């Protein structure tokens, strides 16, 4: 008969300990609050925080100061080469591991401010943020070069076939 009474005190002790632990802070200083939602980075190299990011955001709401400027487009082409954009987007931006910049289909928009945002902030699945390495002025010149592709203003266009 004593064997049958043994589980009851153990259950009562377990219930008492569980009730005492309710509402208390977990061991090692943990929190009972739900964890914050996960943030997804836009590009593999996030841009800087603070004033630099605010400046880039302000620049994207404006207009491109180099629209239709052939000199700026030529400088943008040099930036395209210097920052090895062709490593992903192919020579003369014809496409490679990254999308072609010469076609008319743009996933994130083809307006100057949208291109600026893609370059400055990066995009998921491969496009890094260039804001930490390029000034807003350089990014606008790069945008001018990209917008000149497939036009008579394109600096050093590919040979006609």
N, C-alpha and C. Protein backbone atom coordinates (compact mmCIF):
# COMPACT_ATOMS: atom_id res chain seq x y z
N UNK A 1 0.81 -1.18 0.00
CA UNK A 1 0.00 0.00 0.00
C UNK A 1 0.86 1.26 0.00
N UNK A 2 2.00 1.23 0.61
CA UNK A 2 2.87 2.40 0.60
C UNK A 2 3.41 2.69 -0.79
N UNK A 3 3.52 1.72 -1.67
CA UNK A 3 3.99 1.90 -3.03
C UNK A 3 3.02 2.74 -3.85
N UNK A 4 1.74 2.71 -3.54
CA UNK A 4 0.74 3.46 -4.29
C UNK A 4 0.73 4.94 -3.90
N UNK A 5 1.15 5.32 -2.76
CA UNK A 5 1.13 6.71 -2.32
C UNK A 5 2.36 7.50 -2.79
N UNK A 6 3.37 6.82 -3.22
CA UNK A 6 4.62 7.46 -3.63
C UNK A 6 4.43 8.47 -4.77
N UNK A 7 3.70 8.25 -5.89
CA UNK A 7 3.59 9.22 -6.98
C UNK A 7 2.87 10.51 -6.56
N UNK A 8 1.95 10.46 -5.62
CA UNK A 8 1.20 11.65 -5.24
C UNK A 8 2.07 12.75 -4.63
N UNK A 9 2.96 12.47 -3.69
CA UNK A 9 3.81 13.55 -3.16
C UNK A 9 4.73 14.13 -4.23
N UNK A 10 5.22 13.31 -5.15
CA UNK A 10 6.11 13.82 -6.23
C UNK A 10 5.33 14.76 -7.14
N UNK A 11 4.12 14.40 -7.50
CA UNK A 11 3.30 15.26 -8.35
C UNK A 11 2.98 16.57 -7.62
N UNK A 12 2.68 16.48 -6.33
CA UNK A 12 2.36 17.68 -5.57
C UNK A 12 3.58 18.60 -5.48
N UNK A 13 4.77 18.03 -5.29
CA UNK A 13 5.99 18.82 -5.22
C UNK A 13 6.29 19.48 -6.58
N UNK A 14 6.12 18.76 -7.69
CA UNK A 14 6.35 19.31 -9.03
C UNK A 14 5.38 20.45 -9.31
N UNK A 15 4.13 20.30 -8.93
CA UNK A 15 3.14 21.36 -9.14
C UNK A 15 3.48 22.58 -8.31
N UNK A 16 3.94 22.39 -7.08
CA UNK A 16 4.33 23.49 -6.21
C UNK A 16 5.53 24.25 -6.79
N UNK A 17 6.53 23.56 -7.32
CA UNK A 17 7.70 24.20 -7.91
C UNK A 17 7.33 24.96 -9.19
N UNK A 18 6.47 24.39 -10.02
CA UNK A 18 6.04 25.05 -11.25
C UNK A 18 5.27 26.32 -10.93
N UNK A 19 4.41 26.29 -9.93
CA UNK A 19 3.63 27.46 -9.55
C UNK A 19 4.55 28.56 -9.00
N UNK A 20 5.57 28.17 -8.27
CA UNK A 20 6.50 29.16 -7.70
C UNK A 20 7.33 29.82 -8.79
N UNK A 21 7.60 29.11 -9.89
CA UNK A 21 8.44 29.65 -10.96
C UNK A 21 7.67 30.56 -11.92
N UNK A 22 6.37 30.52 -11.92
CA UNK A 22 5.58 31.34 -12.85
C UNK A 22 5.84 32.82 -12.63
N UNK A 23 6.07 33.56 -13.72
CA UNK A 23 6.24 35.00 -13.64
C UNK A 23 7.62 35.45 -13.21
N UNK A 24 8.50 34.54 -12.92
CA UNK A 24 9.84 34.90 -12.50
C UNK A 24 10.77 35.03 -13.72
N UNK A 25 11.85 35.78 -13.56
CA UNK A 25 12.86 35.90 -14.60
C UNK A 25 13.61 34.59 -14.73
N UNK A 26 13.79 34.11 -15.96
CA UNK A 26 14.53 32.87 -16.14
C UNK A 26 15.95 33.00 -15.64
N UNK A 27 16.60 31.88 -15.36
CA UNK A 27 17.98 31.94 -14.89
C UNK A 27 18.88 32.61 -15.92
N UNK A 28 20.00 33.07 -15.49
CA UNK A 28 21.04 33.76 -16.27
C UNK A 28 20.55 35.07 -16.86
N UNK A 29 19.61 35.73 -16.20
CA UNK A 29 19.21 37.07 -16.58
C UNK A 29 18.42 37.18 -17.87
N UNK A 30 17.87 36.09 -18.38
CA UNK A 30 17.09 36.11 -19.62
C UNK A 30 15.80 36.88 -19.43
N UNK A 31 15.13 37.13 -20.50
CA UNK A 31 13.88 37.87 -20.48
C UNK A 31 12.73 36.97 -20.85
N UNK A 32 11.57 37.22 -20.27
CA UNK A 32 10.38 36.45 -20.63
C UNK A 32 9.66 37.08 -21.81
N UNK A 33 10.11 38.25 -22.27
CA UNK A 33 9.46 38.92 -23.41
C UNK A 33 9.80 38.19 -24.70
N UNK A 34 8.91 38.33 -25.69
CA UNK A 34 9.14 37.72 -26.98
C UNK A 34 10.32 38.41 -27.66
N UNK A 35 11.13 37.66 -28.43
CA UNK A 35 12.27 38.29 -29.10
C UNK A 35 11.79 39.26 -30.17
N UNK A 36 12.59 40.28 -30.49
CA UNK A 36 12.19 41.24 -31.53
C UNK A 36 12.13 40.54 -32.88
N UNK A 37 11.31 41.06 -33.80
CA UNK A 37 11.24 40.43 -35.12
C UNK A 37 12.59 40.52 -35.84
N UNK A 38 12.89 39.54 -36.66
CA UNK A 38 14.14 39.51 -37.39
C UNK A 38 14.11 40.56 -38.51
N UNK A 39 15.18 41.28 -38.67
CA UNK A 39 15.30 42.27 -39.74
C UNK A 39 16.10 41.63 -40.87
N UNK A 40 15.67 41.81 -42.09
CA UNK A 40 16.38 41.27 -43.24
C UNK A 40 17.18 42.38 -43.88
N UNK A 41 18.48 42.18 -44.02
CA UNK A 41 19.32 43.17 -44.67
C UNK A 41 18.97 43.21 -46.15
N UNK A 42 19.02 44.40 -46.72
CA UNK A 42 18.69 44.55 -48.13
C UNK A 42 19.80 43.96 -48.99
N UNK A 43 21.02 44.31 -48.72
CA UNK A 43 22.16 43.81 -49.48
C UNK A 43 23.16 43.16 -48.56
N UNK A 44 24.16 42.49 -49.11
CA UNK A 44 25.12 41.80 -48.27
C UNK A 44 26.00 42.71 -47.44
N UNK A 45 26.17 43.96 -47.83
CA UNK A 45 26.98 44.90 -47.07
C UNK A 45 26.11 46.08 -46.72
N UNK A 46 25.48 46.09 -45.55
CA UNK A 46 24.59 47.19 -45.22
C UNK A 46 25.33 48.51 -45.16
N UNK A 47 24.63 49.56 -45.52
CA UNK A 47 25.22 50.90 -45.49
C UNK A 47 25.37 51.40 -44.07
N UNK A 48 26.05 52.52 -43.91
CA UNK A 48 26.27 53.07 -42.57
C UNK A 48 24.97 53.60 -41.99
N UNK A 49 24.94 53.67 -40.69
CA UNK A 49 23.75 54.21 -40.03
C UNK A 49 24.00 55.67 -39.68
N UNK A 50 22.96 56.34 -39.28
CA UNK A 50 23.10 57.71 -38.82
C UNK A 50 23.01 58.72 -39.93
N UNK A 51 23.84 59.79 -39.83
CA UNK A 51 23.76 60.91 -40.76
C UNK A 51 24.06 60.53 -42.21
N UNK A 52 24.99 59.63 -42.45
CA UNK A 52 25.32 59.25 -43.83
C UNK A 52 24.13 58.59 -44.50
N UNK A 53 23.41 57.73 -43.78
CA UNK A 53 22.23 57.09 -44.35
C UNK A 53 21.14 58.11 -44.60
N UNK A 54 20.98 59.07 -43.70
CA UNK A 54 19.97 60.11 -43.89
C UNK A 54 20.31 60.97 -45.10
N UNK A 55 21.59 61.26 -45.31
CA UNK A 55 21.99 62.04 -46.48
C UNK A 55 21.67 61.30 -47.76
N UNK A 56 21.94 60.00 -47.80
CA UNK A 56 21.63 59.22 -49.00
C UNK A 56 20.13 59.18 -49.23
N UNK A 57 19.35 59.05 -48.17
CA UNK A 57 17.91 59.05 -48.30
C UNK A 57 17.43 60.38 -48.85
N UNK A 58 17.99 61.48 -48.37
CA UNK A 58 17.63 62.80 -48.88
C UNK A 58 17.99 62.92 -50.36
N UNK A 59 19.14 62.35 -50.75
CA UNK A 59 19.57 62.44 -52.14
C UNK A 59 18.63 61.67 -53.06
N UNK A 60 18.07 60.53 -52.60
CA UNK A 60 17.21 59.74 -53.47
C UNK A 60 15.87 60.41 -53.68
N UNK A 61 15.47 61.32 -52.81
CA UNK A 61 14.19 61.99 -52.99
C UNK A 61 14.32 63.15 -53.97
N UNK A 62 15.54 63.54 -54.30
CA UNK A 62 15.77 64.63 -55.24
C UNK A 62 15.85 64.10 -56.66
N UNK A 63 16.34 64.94 -57.52
CA UNK A 63 16.51 64.53 -58.91
C UNK A 63 17.99 64.42 -59.22
N UNK A 64 18.30 63.67 -60.25
CA UNK A 64 19.68 63.46 -60.65
C UNK A 64 20.25 64.77 -61.19
N UNK A 65 21.30 65.31 -60.58
CA UNK A 65 21.87 66.57 -61.06
C UNK A 65 22.63 66.41 -62.37
N UNK A 66 22.85 65.17 -62.82
CA UNK A 66 23.63 64.92 -64.03
C UNK A 66 22.81 64.36 -65.19
N UNK A 67 21.50 64.47 -65.15
CA UNK A 67 20.66 63.94 -66.22
C UNK A 67 21.11 64.49 -67.57
N UNK A 68 21.30 63.60 -68.53
CA UNK A 68 21.70 63.94 -69.90
C UNK A 68 23.07 64.61 -69.99
N UNK A 69 23.89 64.50 -68.97
CA UNK A 69 25.22 65.10 -68.97
C UNK A 69 26.22 64.06 -69.47
N UNK A 70 26.74 64.26 -70.68
CA UNK A 70 27.63 63.28 -71.31
C UNK A 70 28.94 63.12 -70.54
N UNK A 71 29.44 64.21 -69.98
CA UNK A 71 30.68 64.13 -69.20
C UNK A 71 30.47 63.28 -67.95
N UNK A 72 29.35 63.49 -67.27
CA UNK A 72 29.04 62.70 -66.08
C UNK A 72 28.83 61.24 -66.44
N UNK A 73 28.22 60.98 -67.60
CA UNK A 73 28.02 59.59 -68.03
C UNK A 73 29.37 58.91 -68.27
N UNK A 74 30.31 59.64 -68.88
CA UNK A 74 31.66 59.08 -69.10
C UNK A 74 32.36 58.82 -67.77
N UNK A 75 32.20 59.73 -66.81
CA UNK A 75 32.77 59.51 -65.48
C UNK A 75 32.09 58.33 -64.79
N UNK A 76 30.78 58.20 -64.99
CA UNK A 76 30.05 57.05 -64.44
C UNK A 76 30.54 55.74 -65.02
N UNK A 77 30.89 55.74 -66.32
CA UNK A 77 31.44 54.53 -66.94
C UNK A 77 32.77 54.17 -66.29
N UNK A 78 33.60 55.18 -66.02
CA UNK A 78 34.88 54.92 -65.35
C UNK A 78 34.66 54.35 -63.95
N UNK A 79 33.65 54.85 -63.25
CA UNK A 79 33.32 54.29 -61.93
C UNK A 79 32.83 52.85 -62.07
N UNK A 80 32.04 52.58 -63.10
CA UNK A 80 31.55 51.22 -63.37
C UNK A 80 32.73 50.27 -63.54
N UNK A 81 33.75 50.72 -64.23
CA UNK A 81 34.94 49.90 -64.45
C UNK A 81 35.76 49.80 -63.16
N UNK A 82 36.00 50.95 -62.51
CA UNK A 82 36.86 50.98 -61.32
C UNK A 82 36.30 50.17 -60.16
N UNK A 83 34.98 50.20 -59.97
CA UNK A 83 34.37 49.46 -58.86
C UNK A 83 33.97 48.05 -59.27
N UNK A 84 34.42 47.61 -60.46
CA UNK A 84 34.22 46.26 -60.96
C UNK A 84 32.75 45.86 -61.03
N UNK A 85 31.90 46.77 -61.43
CA UNK A 85 30.49 46.45 -61.62
C UNK A 85 30.32 45.38 -62.71
N UNK A 86 31.25 45.40 -63.69
CA UNK A 86 31.18 44.41 -64.77
C UNK A 86 31.45 43.00 -64.27
N UNK A 87 32.05 42.87 -63.09
CA UNK A 87 32.26 41.54 -62.52
C UNK A 87 30.95 40.80 -62.31
N UNK A 88 29.89 41.52 -62.05
CA UNK A 88 28.56 40.91 -61.89
C UNK A 88 27.63 41.22 -63.06
N UNK A 89 27.67 42.46 -63.53
CA UNK A 89 26.73 42.90 -64.57
C UNK A 89 27.27 42.74 -65.98
N UNK A 90 28.47 42.20 -66.13
CA UNK A 90 29.04 41.95 -67.44
C UNK A 90 29.64 43.19 -68.07
N UNK A 91 30.48 42.94 -69.07
CA UNK A 91 31.10 44.04 -69.80
C UNK A 91 30.03 44.90 -70.47
N UNK A 92 30.18 46.18 -70.37
CA UNK A 92 29.23 47.14 -70.91
C UNK A 92 27.82 46.89 -70.38
N UNK A 93 27.74 46.31 -69.18
CA UNK A 93 26.49 46.11 -68.44
C UNK A 93 25.51 45.19 -69.15
N UNK A 94 26.03 44.25 -69.94
CA UNK A 94 25.17 43.34 -70.69
C UNK A 94 24.63 42.16 -69.91
N UNK A 95 25.02 42.01 -68.67
CA UNK A 95 24.52 40.91 -67.84
C UNK A 95 25.58 39.86 -67.61
N UNK A 96 25.49 39.22 -66.51
CA UNK A 96 26.42 38.17 -66.11
C UNK A 96 25.75 37.43 -64.97
N UNK A 97 26.44 37.34 -63.86
CA UNK A 97 25.83 36.75 -62.68
C UNK A 97 24.76 37.69 -62.14
N UNK A 98 24.95 38.99 -62.37
CA UNK A 98 23.94 40.00 -62.06
C UNK A 98 23.14 40.30 -63.31
N UNK A 99 22.02 40.98 -63.15
CA UNK A 99 21.17 41.24 -64.33
C UNK A 99 21.79 42.24 -65.30
N UNK A 100 21.32 42.17 -66.53
CA UNK A 100 21.72 43.14 -67.54
C UNK A 100 21.14 44.50 -67.16
N UNK A 101 21.95 45.52 -67.34
CA UNK A 101 21.49 46.89 -67.11
C UNK A 101 21.12 47.55 -68.43
N UNK A 102 21.21 46.80 -69.51
CA UNK A 102 20.91 47.31 -70.84
C UNK A 102 19.47 47.04 -71.27
N UNK A 103 18.78 46.18 -70.56
CA UNK A 103 17.42 45.84 -71.00
C UNK A 103 16.39 46.82 -70.43
N UNK A 104 15.13 46.58 -70.75
CA UNK A 104 14.08 47.51 -70.33
C UNK A 104 13.31 47.02 -69.10
N UNK A 105 13.58 45.81 -68.65
CA UNK A 105 12.89 45.25 -67.48
C UNK A 105 13.73 45.46 -66.23
N UNK A 106 13.15 46.18 -65.26
CA UNK A 106 13.86 46.50 -64.02
C UNK A 106 13.02 46.07 -62.84
N UNK A 107 13.56 45.18 -62.03
CA UNK A 107 12.83 44.64 -60.89
C UNK A 107 12.53 45.71 -59.84
N UNK A 108 13.45 46.62 -59.60
CA UNK A 108 13.29 47.62 -58.55
C UNK A 108 13.02 49.03 -59.10
N UNK A 109 12.69 49.13 -60.37
CA UNK A 109 12.35 50.42 -60.97
C UNK A 109 13.50 51.02 -61.74
N UNK A 110 13.17 51.79 -62.78
CA UNK A 110 14.21 52.37 -63.63
C UNK A 110 14.31 53.89 -63.53
N UNK A 111 13.64 54.48 -62.58
CA UNK A 111 13.77 55.93 -62.37
C UNK A 111 15.10 56.20 -61.67
N UNK A 112 15.64 57.39 -61.88
CA UNK A 112 16.95 57.73 -61.33
C UNK A 112 17.03 57.50 -59.83
N UNK A 113 16.03 57.94 -59.09
CA UNK A 113 16.05 57.77 -57.62
C UNK A 113 16.01 56.30 -57.23
N UNK A 114 15.32 55.47 -58.00
CA UNK A 114 15.27 54.04 -57.70
C UNK A 114 16.61 53.38 -57.98
N UNK A 115 17.27 53.78 -59.06
CA UNK A 115 18.61 53.26 -59.34
C UNK A 115 19.59 53.70 -58.26
N UNK A 116 19.50 54.96 -57.87
CA UNK A 116 20.36 55.46 -56.79
C UNK A 116 20.17 54.60 -55.54
N UNK A 117 18.93 54.33 -55.19
CA UNK A 117 18.63 53.52 -54.01
C UNK A 117 19.22 52.12 -54.14
N UNK A 118 19.08 51.50 -55.31
CA UNK A 118 19.62 50.15 -55.51
C UNK A 118 21.13 50.12 -55.33
N UNK A 119 21.81 51.14 -55.84
CA UNK A 119 23.26 51.19 -55.73
C UNK A 119 23.68 51.53 -54.30
N UNK A 120 23.06 52.53 -53.71
CA UNK A 120 23.46 52.98 -52.38
C UNK A 120 23.12 51.96 -51.30
N UNK A 121 21.92 51.41 -51.33
CA UNK A 121 21.46 50.54 -50.25
C UNK A 121 21.64 49.06 -50.55
N UNK A 122 21.83 48.70 -51.81
CA UNK A 122 21.95 47.30 -52.17
C UNK A 122 20.58 46.65 -52.28
N UNK A 123 20.57 45.43 -52.75
CA UNK A 123 19.35 44.65 -52.90
C UNK A 123 19.63 43.22 -52.46
N UNK A 124 18.59 42.55 -52.01
CA UNK A 124 18.74 41.17 -51.54
C UNK A 124 19.24 40.27 -52.67
N UNK A 125 19.88 39.21 -52.33
CA UNK A 125 20.35 38.17 -53.25
C UNK A 125 21.52 38.61 -54.12
N UNK A 126 22.38 39.48 -53.62
CA UNK A 126 23.64 39.71 -54.32
C UNK A 126 24.10 41.13 -54.52
N UNK A 127 23.22 42.10 -54.62
CA UNK A 127 23.67 43.47 -54.87
C UNK A 127 24.10 44.10 -53.55
N UNK A 128 25.41 44.38 -53.41
CA UNK A 128 25.87 44.98 -52.15
C UNK A 128 25.53 46.46 -52.08
N UNK A 129 25.61 46.98 -50.88
CA UNK A 129 25.45 48.42 -50.66
C UNK A 129 26.77 49.10 -50.99
N UNK A 130 26.72 50.09 -51.88
CA UNK A 130 27.93 50.81 -52.24
C UNK A 130 28.04 52.14 -51.51
N UNK A 131 27.07 52.48 -50.69
CA UNK A 131 27.08 53.75 -49.97
C UNK A 131 28.32 53.92 -49.10
N UNK A 132 28.82 52.87 -48.45
CA UNK A 132 30.02 53.09 -47.63
C UNK A 132 31.27 53.39 -48.46
N UNK A 133 31.27 53.04 -49.75
CA UNK A 133 32.46 53.18 -50.58
C UNK A 133 32.38 54.29 -51.62
N UNK A 134 31.17 54.77 -51.90
CA UNK A 134 30.99 55.78 -52.93
C UNK A 134 30.25 56.98 -52.36
N UNK A 135 30.58 58.17 -52.87
CA UNK A 135 29.85 59.36 -52.46
C UNK A 135 28.53 59.42 -53.22
N UNK A 136 27.62 60.25 -52.76
CA UNK A 136 26.35 60.43 -53.46
C UNK A 136 26.60 60.97 -54.86
N UNK A 137 27.57 61.85 -55.01
CA UNK A 137 27.91 62.40 -56.31
C UNK A 137 28.37 61.30 -57.28
N UNK A 138 29.21 60.38 -56.79
CA UNK A 138 29.66 59.27 -57.63
C UNK A 138 28.49 58.37 -58.02
N UNK A 139 27.60 58.12 -57.08
CA UNK A 139 26.45 57.27 -57.38
C UNK A 139 25.57 57.91 -58.44
N UNK A 140 25.35 59.23 -58.35
CA UNK A 140 24.55 59.91 -59.37
C UNK A 140 25.21 59.80 -60.74
N UNK A 141 26.53 59.89 -60.82
CA UNK A 141 27.23 59.74 -62.10
C UNK A 141 27.09 58.32 -62.64
N UNK A 142 27.14 57.36 -61.75
CA UNK A 142 26.94 55.97 -62.16
C UNK A 142 25.52 55.76 -62.68
N UNK A 143 24.56 56.37 -62.02
CA UNK A 143 23.17 56.32 -62.49
C UNK A 143 23.07 56.95 -63.87
N UNK A 144 23.74 58.06 -64.08
CA UNK A 144 23.72 58.73 -65.38
C UNK A 144 24.29 57.81 -66.46
N UNK A 145 25.37 57.11 -66.16
CA UNK A 145 25.94 56.16 -67.12
C UNK A 145 24.94 55.05 -67.42
N UNK A 146 24.35 54.48 -66.39
CA UNK A 146 23.40 53.38 -66.60
C UNK A 146 22.22 53.85 -67.45
N UNK A 147 21.73 55.05 -67.17
CA UNK A 147 20.61 55.58 -67.94
C UNK A 147 21.00 55.90 -69.39
N UNK A 148 22.30 56.08 -69.65
CA UNK A 148 22.75 56.38 -71.01
C UNK A 148 22.86 55.13 -71.88
N UNK A 149 22.83 53.96 -71.25
CA UNK A 149 22.96 52.71 -72.01
C UNK A 149 21.82 52.62 -73.03
N UNK A 150 22.13 52.11 -74.21
CA UNK A 150 21.19 51.94 -75.31
C UNK A 150 20.73 53.28 -75.91
N UNK A 151 21.45 54.36 -75.65
CA UNK A 151 21.10 55.66 -76.25
C UNK A 151 22.29 56.15 -77.06
N UNK A 152 22.08 57.20 -77.84
CA UNK A 152 23.18 57.77 -78.61
C UNK A 152 24.19 58.49 -77.71
N UNK A 153 23.83 58.73 -76.44
CA UNK A 153 24.74 59.39 -75.50
C UNK A 153 25.62 58.41 -74.73
N UNK A 154 25.50 57.12 -75.01
CA UNK A 154 26.30 56.13 -74.27
C UNK A 154 27.78 56.28 -74.58
N UNK A 155 28.61 56.45 -73.53
CA UNK A 155 30.04 56.51 -73.79
C UNK A 155 30.58 55.12 -74.11
N UNK A 156 31.34 55.01 -75.20
CA UNK A 156 31.97 53.77 -75.62
C UNK A 156 30.97 52.61 -75.75
N UNK A 157 29.96 52.74 -76.60
CA UNK A 157 28.98 51.67 -76.77
C UNK A 157 29.61 50.43 -77.40
N UNK A 158 28.99 49.28 -77.23
CA UNK A 158 29.54 48.08 -77.88
C UNK A 158 29.41 48.21 -79.39
N UNK A 159 30.28 47.52 -80.12
CA UNK A 159 30.21 47.60 -81.58
C UNK A 159 28.88 47.05 -82.10
N UNK A 160 28.38 47.66 -83.15
CA UNK A 160 27.12 47.19 -83.76
C UNK A 160 27.37 45.86 -84.47
N UNK A 161 26.41 45.00 -84.39
CA UNK A 161 26.56 43.71 -85.04
C UNK A 161 25.67 43.58 -86.26
